[in-house]
Amino acid sequence: MQRTAYSAFIYLTVLGLLLFSLDSCKVAKNLPPDQKLLVKNKIVIKSKLPLNERDKIKADLGNVAVQKPNRRFLGFLPFRMWFYYSAAKGKKITKFKQWIMDKVGEKPVVIDSSSTERSKVLMANYLFNYGYFYADVTDSTVVKNKKAVTTYTITPGPLWHLGKITFPQGNTSADSLIRQSNKNTLLKTGDRVDMAMLRSERVRIEDTLRNNGYYFFNREYITYELDTSGGKQTMNAKMVLNQ
């Protein structure tokens, strides 16, 4: 009995996958001649990075991409696109079909060259902010049966690290409080240059000063003077308190 139920489950699963696969092909086939269905974004990193670093960059860049393929259930079933396509086909769009298209379905993602270019810019910005100052991002698209796979090839270049970190040297009580709190700093010499961490350090200082009576202090009063002239992929950071 259990074997029969299991066999039926496998049969229905395979049948469902086949039907959805056919519908995905049908969606691509019925697009206008100048349109291609984006089915996958690939991130290729041309560098021997540690596995955890590689995985993080791939995941983050995948999220950064402006255009993403239609969402898929279990990683391969484009349910929402299928619902949209099923509701949109036909001559008459009823209120129910329109509701399916707007609330349940997802319009097929058609590849757009301007979105691809924008994705490259955003990916390069991400890599710069994550310490790869001279990263290169290129793209290529392969189309088969009106289904497109876009590959973003990343050449990160060298990773930059923090060198000397200097805190405000002024004589005000605010300057003094910042220096006293530097034992809790988020910035460490030798760490990667991470712009998000530099911003977080400003938030930490804002909290410190507000907790010590500077109730209207704002993180925007803190800026950095960054110096990369030391070489060896090292960037010195001088914190400046703008009174």
C-alpha atoms as a PDB file:
ATOM      1  CA  MET A   1       0.000   0.000   0.000  1.00  0.00           C
ATOM      2  CA  GLN A   2       2.747   2.419   0.948  1.00  0.00           C
ATOM      3  CA  ARG A   3       4.697   1.542  -2.186  1.00  0.00           C
ATOM      4  CA  THR A   4       1.619   2.187  -4.342  1.00  0.00           C
ATOM      5  CA  ALA A   5       1.073   5.600  -2.723  1.00  0.00           C
ATOM      6  CA  TYR A   6       4.742   6.460  -3.125  1.00  0.00           C
ATOM      7  CA  SER A   7       4.666   5.449  -6.803  1.00  0.00           C
ATOM      8  CA  ALA A   8       1.571   7.574  -7.369  1.00  0.00           C
ATOM      9  CA  PHE A   9       3.272  10.541  -5.712  1.00  0.00           C
ATOM     10  CA  ILE A  10       6.344  10.154  -7.924  1.00  0.00           C
ATOM     11  CA  TYR A  11       4.157   9.843 -11.001  1.00  0.00           C
ATOM     12  CA  LEU A  12       2.158  12.984 -10.189  1.00  0.00           C
ATOM     13  CA  THR A  13       5.317  14.906  -9.361  1.00  0.00           C
ATOM     14  CA  VAL A  14       6.974  13.989 -12.662  1.00  0.00           C
ATOM     15  CA  LEU A  15       3.769  14.782 -14.536  1.00  0.00           C
ATOM     16  CA  GLY A  16       3.530  18.167 -12.820  1.00  0.00           C
ATOM     17  CA  LEU A  17       7.154  18.975 -13.634  1.00  0.00           C
ATOM     18  CA  LEU A  18       6.578  18.041 -17.260  1.00  0.00           C
ATOM     19  CA  LEU A  19       3.463  20.202 -17.526  1.00  0.00           C
ATOM     20  CA  PHE A  20       5.194  23.208 -15.970  1.00  0.00           C
ATOM     21  CA  SER A  21       8.232  22.694 -18.163  1.00  0.00           C
ATOM     22  CA  LEU A  22       6.040  22.629 -21.253  1.00  0.00           C
ATOM     23  CA  ASP A  23       4.207  25.765 -20.145  1.00  0.00           C
ATOM     24  CA  SER A  24       7.503  27.550 -19.546  1.00  0.00           C
ATOM     25  CA  CYS A  25       8.543  26.695 -23.083  1.00  0.00           C
ATOM     26  CA  LYS A  26       5.138  27.818 -24.335  1.00  0.00           C
ATOM     27  CA  VAL A  27       5.476  31.181 -22.594  1.00  0.00           C
ATOM     28  CA  ALA A  28       8.850  31.785 -24.239  1.00  0.00           C
ATOM     29  CA  LYS A  29       7.605  30.623 -27.628  1.00  0.00           C
ATOM     30  CA  ASN A  30       4.609  32.971 -27.586  1.00  0.00           C
ATOM     31  CA  LEU A  31       6.593  36.100 -26.755  1.00  0.00           C
ATOM     32  CA  PRO A  32       6.929  38.708 -29.527  1.00  0.00           C
ATOM     33  CA  PRO A  33       9.857  38.049 -31.902  1.00  0.00           C
ATOM     34  CA  ASP A  34      12.091  40.681 -30.295  1.00  0.00           C
ATOM     35  CA  GLN A  35      11.586  39.419 -26.722  1.00  0.00           C
ATOM     36  CA  LYS A  36      13.413  36.657 -24.848  1.00  0.00           C
ATOM     37  CA  LEU A  37      12.431  35.083 -21.534  1.00  0.00           C
ATOM     38  CA  LEU A  38      15.110  35.458 -18.849  1.00  0.00           C
ATOM     39  CA  VAL A  39      15.395  32.053 -17.198  1.00  0.00           C
ATOM     40  CA  LYS A  40      18.675  32.357 -15.292  1.00  0.00           C
ATOM     41  CA  ASN A  41      21.341  34.750 -14.028  1.00  0.00           C
ATOM     42  CA  LYS A  42      24.769  33.176 -13.558  1.00  0.00           C
ATOM     43  CA  ILE A  43      27.554  34.738 -11.489  1.00  0.00           C
ATOM     44  CA  VAL A  44      31.055  33.591 -12.440  1.00  0.00           C
ATOM     45  CA  ILE A  45      33.959  34.767 -10.267  1.00  0.00           C
ATOM     46  CA  LYS A  46      37.398  34.590 -11.877  1.00  0.00           C
ATOM     47  CA  SER A  47      39.559  34.525  -8.772  1.00  0.00           C
ATOM     48  CA  LYS A  48      40.702  31.990  -6.192  1.00  0.00           C
ATOM     49  CA  LEU A  49      38.658  33.368  -3.308  1.00  0.00           C
ATOM     50  CA  PRO A  50      37.854  31.416  -0.125  1.00  0.00           C
ATOM     51  CA  LEU A  51      34.648  29.412  -0.507  1.00  0.00           C
ATOM     52  CA  ASN A  52      32.652  31.433   2.040  1.00  0.00           C
ATOM     53  CA  GLU A  53      33.757  34.700   0.403  1.00  0.00           C
ATOM     54  CA  ARG A  54      32.831  33.402  -3.041  1.00  0.00           C
ATOM     55  CA  ASP A  55      29.411  32.204  -1.857  1.00  0.00           C
ATOM     56  CA  LYS A  56      28.621  35.516  -0.152  1.00  0.00           C
ATOM     57  CA  ILE A  57      29.598  37.594  -3.180  1.00  0.00           C
ATOM     58  CA  LYS A  58      27.581  35.369  -5.518  1.00  0.00           C
ATOM     59  CA  ALA A  59      24.498  35.589  -3.304  1.00  0.00           C
ATOM     60  CA  ASP A  60      24.796  39.362  -2.838  1.00  0.00           C
ATOM     61  CA  LEU A  61      25.375  40.048  -6.527  1.00  0.00           C
ATOM     62  CA  GLY A  62      22.415  37.840  -7.385  1.00  0.00           C
ATOM     63  CA  ASN A  63      20.265  40.097  -5.201  1.00  0.00           C
ATOM     64  CA  VAL A  64      21.816  43.239  -6.695  1.00  0.00           C
ATOM     65  CA  ALA A  65      20.851  42.301 -10.265  1.00  0.00           C
ATOM     66  CA  VAL A  66      18.091  44.574 -11.560  1.00  0.00           C
ATOM     67  CA  GLN A  67      16.414  41.806 -13.542  1.00  0.00           C
ATOM     68  CA  LYS A  68      15.837  38.440 -11.924  1.00  0.00           C
ATOM     69  CA  PRO A  69      14.150  35.396 -13.468  1.00  0.00           C
ATOM     70  CA  ASN A  70      10.593  34.634 -12.427  1.00  0.00           C
ATOM     71  CA  ARG A  71      10.405  33.169  -8.947  1.00  0.00           C
ATOM     72  CA  ARG A  72      10.274  29.402  -8.826  1.00  0.00           C
ATOM     73  CA  PHE A  73       8.727  27.057  -6.303  1.00  0.00           C
ATOM     74  CA  LEU A  74      11.264  24.459  -5.080  1.00  0.00           C
ATOM     75  CA  GLY A  75      13.814  26.159  -7.288  1.00  0.00           C
ATOM     76  CA  PHE A  76      12.404  25.070 -10.632  1.00  0.00           C
ATOM     77  CA  LEU A  77       8.608  25.494 -10.819  1.00  0.00           C
ATOM     78  CA  PRO A  78       7.583  28.989 -12.050  1.00  0.00           C
ATOM     79  CA  PHE A  79       4.108  28.823 -10.503  1.00  0.00           C
ATOM     80  CA  ARG A  80       3.479  32.563 -10.493  1.00  0.00           C
ATOM     81  CA  MET A  81       4.508  33.030 -14.123  1.00  0.00           C
ATOM     82  CA  TRP A  82       2.319  30.068 -15.073  1.00  0.00           C
ATOM     83  CA  PHE A  83      -0.697  31.625 -13.331  1.00  0.00           C
ATOM     84  CA  TYR A  84      -0.085  34.956 -15.079  1.00  0.00           C
ATOM     85  CA  TYR A  85       0.294  33.336 -18.477  1.00  0.00           C
ATOM     86  CA  SER A  86      -2.806  31.167 -18.006  1.00  0.00           C
ATOM     87  CA  ALA A  87      -4.899  34.192 -17.012  1.00  0.00           C
ATOM     88  CA  ALA A  88      -3.508  36.509 -19.699  1.00  0.00           C
ATOM     89  CA  LYS A  89      -4.015  34.237 -22.682  1.00  0.00           C
ATOM     90  CA  GLY A  90      -7.323  34.419 -24.490  1.00  0.00           C
ATOM     91  CA  LYS A  91      -9.204  37.317 -26.028  1.00  0.00           C
ATOM     92  CA  LYS A  92     -11.161  38.442 -22.973  1.00  0.00           C
ATOM     93  CA  ILE A  93      -9.659  39.412 -19.618  1.00  0.00           C
ATOM     94  CA  THR A  94     -12.309  39.035 -16.923  1.00  0.00           C
ATOM     95  CA  LYS A  95     -12.140  40.672 -13.505  1.00  0.00           C
ATOM     96  CA  PHE A  96     -11.117  37.326 -12.023  1.00  0.00           C
ATOM     97  CA  LYS A  97      -8.352  36.874 -14.578  1.00  0.00           C
ATOM     98  CA  GLN A  98      -7.145  40.415 -13.915  1.00  0.00           C
ATOM     99  CA  TRP A  99      -7.073  39.641 -10.185  1.00  0.00           C
ATOM    100  CA  ILE A 100      -4.994  36.519 -10.883  1.00  0.00           C
ATOM    101  CA  MET A 101      -2.572  38.549 -12.985  1.00  0.00           C
ATOM    102  CA  ASP A 102      -2.253  41.359 -10.433  1.00  0.00           C
ATOM    103  CA  LYS A 103      -2.319  39.475  -7.129  1.00  0.00           C
ATOM    104  CA  VAL A 104      -1.267  35.890  -7.803  1.00  0.00           C
ATOM    105  CA  GLY A 105       0.638  35.776 -11.041  1.00  0.00           C
ATOM    106  CA  GLU A 106       3.955  37.240 -12.097  1.00  0.00           C
ATOM    107  CA  LYS A 107       4.563  38.712 -15.516  1.00  0.00           C
ATOM    108  CA  PRO A 108       7.217  36.842 -17.533  1.00  0.00           C
ATOM    109  CA  VAL A 109      10.579  38.550 -17.125  1.00  0.00           C
ATOM    110  CA  VAL A 110      11.765  39.604 -20.556  1.00  0.00           C
ATOM    111  CA  ILE A 111      15.458  40.327 -20.864  1.00  0.00           C
ATOM    112  CA  ASP A 112      16.297  44.010 -21.259  1.00  0.00           C
ATOM    113  CA  SER A 113      19.759  45.244 -22.232  1.00  0.00           C
ATOM    114  CA  SER A 114      19.463  48.498 -20.270  1.00  0.00           C
ATOM    115  CA  SER A 115      18.661  46.530 -17.105  1.00  0.00           C
ATOM    116  CA  THR A 116      21.678  44.337 -17.737  1.00  0.00           C
ATOM    117  CA  GLU A 117      23.913  47.417 -17.990  1.00  0.00           C
ATOM    118  CA  ARG A 118      22.405  48.822 -14.806  1.00  0.00           C
ATOM    119  CA  SER A 119      23.048  45.516 -13.059  1.00  0.00           C
ATOM    120  CA  LYS A 120      26.725  45.697 -14.030  1.00  0.00           C
ATOM    121  CA  VAL A 121      27.029  49.192 -12.556  1.00  0.00           C
ATOM    122  CA  LEU A 122      25.368  48.140  -9.292  1.00  0.00           C
ATOM    123  CA  MET A 123      27.544  45.028  -9.056  1.00  0.00           C
ATOM    124  CA  ALA A 124      30.703  47.085  -9.554  1.00  0.00           C
ATOM    125  CA  ASN A 125      29.505  49.512  -6.854  1.00  0.00           C
ATOM    126  CA  TYR A 126      28.853  46.645  -4.464  1.00  0.00           C
ATOM    127  CA  LEU A 127      32.329  45.213  -5.027  1.00  0.00           C
ATOM    128  CA  PHE A 128      33.942  48.637  -4.534  1.00  0.00           C
ATOM    129  CA  ASN A 129      32.078  49.127  -1.245  1.00  0.00           C
ATOM    130  CA  TYR A 130      33.157  45.645  -0.175  1.00  0.00           C
ATOM    131  CA  GLY A 131      36.857  46.341  -0.615  1.00  0.00           C
ATOM    132  CA  TYR A 132      37.458  45.351  -4.239  1.00  0.00           C
ATOM    133  CA  PHE A 133      38.362  48.777  -5.606  1.00  0.00           C
ATOM    134  CA  TYR A 134      39.340  47.656  -9.112  1.00  0.00           C
ATOM    135  CA  ALA A 135      36.773  44.968  -9.848  1.00  0.00           C
ATOM    136  CA  ASP A 136      35.691  44.354 -13.432  1.00  0.00           C
ATOM    137  CA  VAL A 137      32.194  43.159 -14.381  1.00  0.00           C
ATOM    138  CA  THR A 138      31.295  41.902 -17.856  1.00  0.00           C
ATOM    139  CA  ASP A 139      28.190  40.186 -19.198  1.00  0.00           C
ATOM    140  CA  SER A 140      27.166  37.773 -21.898  1.00  0.00           C
ATOM    141  CA  THR A 141      23.787  36.346 -22.836  1.00  0.00           C
ATOM    142  CA  VAL A 142      23.049  33.024 -24.493  1.00  0.00           C
ATOM    143  CA  VAL A 143      19.606  32.523 -26.062  1.00  0.00           C
ATOM    144  CA  LYS A 144      18.128  29.162 -26.967  1.00  0.00           C
ATOM    145  CA  ASN A 145      14.523  28.657 -28.016  1.00  0.00           C
ATOM    146  CA  LYS A 146      13.774  32.240 -26.952  1.00  0.00           C
ATOM    147  CA  LYS A 147      14.992  31.524 -23.389  1.00  0.00           C
ATOM    148  CA  ALA A 148      17.947  33.604 -22.216  1.00  0.00           C
ATOM    149  CA  VAL A 149      20.695  32.917 -19.681  1.00  0.00           C
ATOM    150  CA  THR A 150      22.757  35.959 -18.669  1.00  0.00           C
ATOM    151  CA  THR A 151      26.216  35.392 -17.242  1.00  0.00           C
ATOM    152  CA  TYR A 152      27.958  38.098 -15.213  1.00  0.00           C
ATOM    153  CA  THR A 153      31.696  37.468 -15.070  1.00  0.00           C
ATOM    154  CA  ILE A 154      33.438  39.069 -12.092  1.00  0.00           C
ATOM    155  CA  THR A 155      37.159  39.763 -11.884  1.00  0.00           C
ATOM    156  CA  PRO A 156      37.463  41.156  -8.341  1.00  0.00           C
ATOM    157  CA  GLY A 157      41.067  42.262  -8.363  1.00  0.00           C
ATOM    158  CA  PRO A 158      42.978  42.693  -5.064  1.00  0.00           C
ATOM    159  CA  LEU A 159      41.140  43.148  -1.776  1.00  0.00           C
ATOM    160  CA  TRP A 160      41.969  46.339   0.116  1.00  0.00           C
ATOM    161  CA  HIS A 161      42.469  46.437   3.895  1.00  0.00           C
ATOM    162  CA  LEU A 162      42.324  49.107   6.558  1.00  0.00           C
ATOM    163  CA  GLY A 163      45.660  50.583   7.590  1.00  0.00           C
ATOM    164  CA  LYS A 164      46.073  53.276  10.214  1.00  0.00           C
ATOM    165  CA  ILE A 165      42.843  54.455  11.842  1.00  0.00           C
ATOM    166  CA  THR A 166      42.895  57.954  13.349  1.00  0.00           C
ATOM    167  CA  PHE A 167      40.171  59.345  15.608  1.00  0.00           C
ATOM    168  CA  PRO A 168      39.332  63.082  15.995  1.00  0.00           C
ATOM    169  CA  GLN A 169      42.189  64.959  17.632  1.00  0.00           C
ATOM    170  CA  GLY A 170      40.296  68.122  18.621  1.00  0.00           C
ATOM    171  CA  ASN A 171      40.010  69.550  22.137  1.00  0.00           C
ATOM    172  CA  THR A 172      36.224  69.530  22.547  1.00  0.00           C
ATOM    173  CA  SER A 173      34.464  67.177  24.965  1.00  0.00           C
ATOM    174  CA  ALA A 174      32.876  65.452  21.981  1.00  0.00           C
ATOM    175  CA  ASP A 175      36.313  64.729  20.513  1.00  0.00           C
ATOM    176  CA  SER A 176      37.413  63.407  23.883  1.00  0.00           C
ATOM    177  CA  LEU A 177      34.352  61.143  24.227  1.00  0.00           C
ATOM    178  CA  ILE A 178      34.987  59.654  20.784  1.00  0.00           C
ATOM    179  CA  ARG A 179      38.604  58.899  21.647  1.00  0.00           C
ATOM    180  CA  GLN A 180      37.589  57.354  24.979  1.00  0.00           C
ATOM    181  CA  SER A 181      35.107  55.081  23.210  1.00  0.00           C
ATOM    182  CA  ASN A 182      37.521  53.847  20.550  1.00  0.00           C
ATOM    183  CA  LYS A 183      38.105  50.634  22.500  1.00  0.00           C
ATOM    184  CA  ASN A 184      34.641  49.687  21.193  1.00  0.00           C
ATOM    185  CA  THR A 185      35.357  50.686  17.628  1.00  0.00           C
ATOM    186  CA  LEU A 186      34.148  48.479  14.789  1.00  0.00           C
ATOM    187  CA  LEU A 187      37.187  49.417  12.709  1.00  0.00           C
ATOM    188  CA  LYS A 188      40.314  47.293  13.067  1.00  0.00           C
ATOM    189  CA  THR A 189      43.620  47.673  11.285  1.00  0.00           C
ATOM    190  CA  GLY A 190      44.024  44.777   8.873  1.00  0.00           C
ATOM    191  CA  ASP A 191      40.301  44.246   8.322  1.00  0.00           C
ATOM    192  CA  ARG A 192      38.887  44.519   4.827  1.00  0.00           C
ATOM    193  CA  VAL A 193      37.724  47.945   3.691  1.00  0.00           C
ATOM    194  CA  ASP A 194      33.966  47.678   4.091  1.00  0.00           C
ATOM    195  CA  MET A 195      31.957  50.858   3.513  1.00  0.00           C
ATOM    196  CA  ALA A 196      29.022  49.396   5.431  1.00  0.00           C
ATOM    197  CA  MET A 197      31.290  48.990   8.465  1.00  0.00           C
ATOM    198  CA  LEU A 198      32.479  52.591   8.132  1.00  0.00           C
ATOM    199  CA  ARG A 199      28.845  53.701   8.192  1.00  0.00           C
ATOM    200  CA  SER A 200      28.130  51.478  11.200  1.00  0.00           C
ATOM    201  CA  GLU A 201      31.013  53.095  13.082  1.00  0.00           C
ATOM    202  CA  ARG A 202      29.374  56.471  12.572  1.00  0.00           C
ATOM    203  CA  VAL A 203      26.142  55.074  14.030  1.00  0.00           C
ATOM    204  CA  ARG A 204      28.073  53.717  17.034  1.00  0.00           C
ATOM    205  CA  ILE A 205      29.600  57.133  17.707  1.00  0.00           C
ATOM    206  CA  GLU A 206      26.228  58.828  17.296  1.00  0.00           C
ATOM    207  CA  ASP A 207      24.769  56.506  19.962  1.00  0.00           C
ATOM    208  CA  THR A 208      27.755  57.091  22.263  1.00  0.00           C
ATOM    209  CA  LEU A 209      27.491  60.865  22.134  1.00  0.00           C
ATOM    210  CA  ARG A 210      23.717  60.909  22.499  1.00  0.00           C
ATOM    211  CA  ASN A 211      24.020  58.684  25.571  1.00  0.00           C
ATOM    212  CA  ASN A 212      26.422  61.250  27.027  1.00  0.00           C
ATOM    213  CA  GLY A 213      24.256  64.326  26.686  1.00  0.00           C
ATOM    214  CA  TYR A 214      24.695  65.253  23.020  1.00  0.00           C
ATOM    215  CA  TYR A 215      21.025  64.574  22.323  1.00  0.00           C
ATOM    216  CA  PHE A 216      20.978  66.256  18.924  1.00  0.00           C
ATOM    217  CA  PHE A 217      24.230  64.823  17.617  1.00  0.00           C
ATOM    218  CA  ASN A 218      23.897  63.344  14.148  1.00  0.00           C
ATOM    219  CA  ARG A 219      26.120  60.773  12.439  1.00  0.00           C
ATOM    220  CA  GLU A 220      26.352  63.143   9.454  1.00  0.00           C
ATOM    221  CA  TYR A 221      28.699  65.296  11.551  1.00  0.00           C
ATOM    222  CA  ILE A 222      31.320  62.563  11.151  1.00  0.00           C
ATOM    223  CA  THR A 223      33.235  62.170   7.899  1.00  0.00           C
ATOM    224  CA  TYR A 224      36.318  60.219   6.842  1.00  0.00           C
ATOM    225  CA  GLU A 225      39.440  61.270   5.047  1.00  0.00           C
ATOM    226  CA  LEU A 226      40.573  58.159   3.173  1.00  0.00           C
ATOM    227  CA  ASP A 227      44.135  57.770   1.973  1.00  0.00           C
ATOM    228  CA  THR A 228      45.329  54.980  -0.314  1.00  0.00           C
ATOM    229  CA  SER A 229      48.781  56.400  -0.983  1.00  0.00           C
ATOM    230  CA  GLY A 230      50.448  53.910   1.357  1.00  0.00           C
ATOM    231  CA  GLY A 231      50.322  51.162  -1.274  1.00  0.00           C
ATOM    232  CA  LYS A 232      50.027  47.405  -0.761  1.00  0.00           C
ATOM    233  CA  GLN A 233      46.229  47.577  -1.036  1.00  0.00           C
ATOM    234  CA  THR A 234      46.020  49.469   2.279  1.00  0.00           C
ATOM    235  CA  MET A 235      43.735  52.405   3.016  1.00  0.00           C
ATOM    236  CA  ASN A 236      44.245  54.708   6.015  1.00  0.00           C
ATOM    237  CA  ALA A 237      41.099  56.188   7.545  1.00  0.00           C
ATOM    238  CA  LYS A 238      41.085  59.493   9.393  1.00  0.00           C
ATOM    239  CA  MET A 239      37.861  60.312  11.216  1.00  0.00           C
ATOM    240  CA  VAL A 240      36.875  63.982  11.235  1.00  0.00           C
ATOM    241  CA  LEU A 241      34.301  65.574  13.556  1.00  0.00           C
ATOM    242  CA  ASN A 242      32.671  68.528  11.855  1.00  0.00           C
ATOM    243  CA  GLN A 243      31.643  70.942  14.577  1.00  0.00           C
END
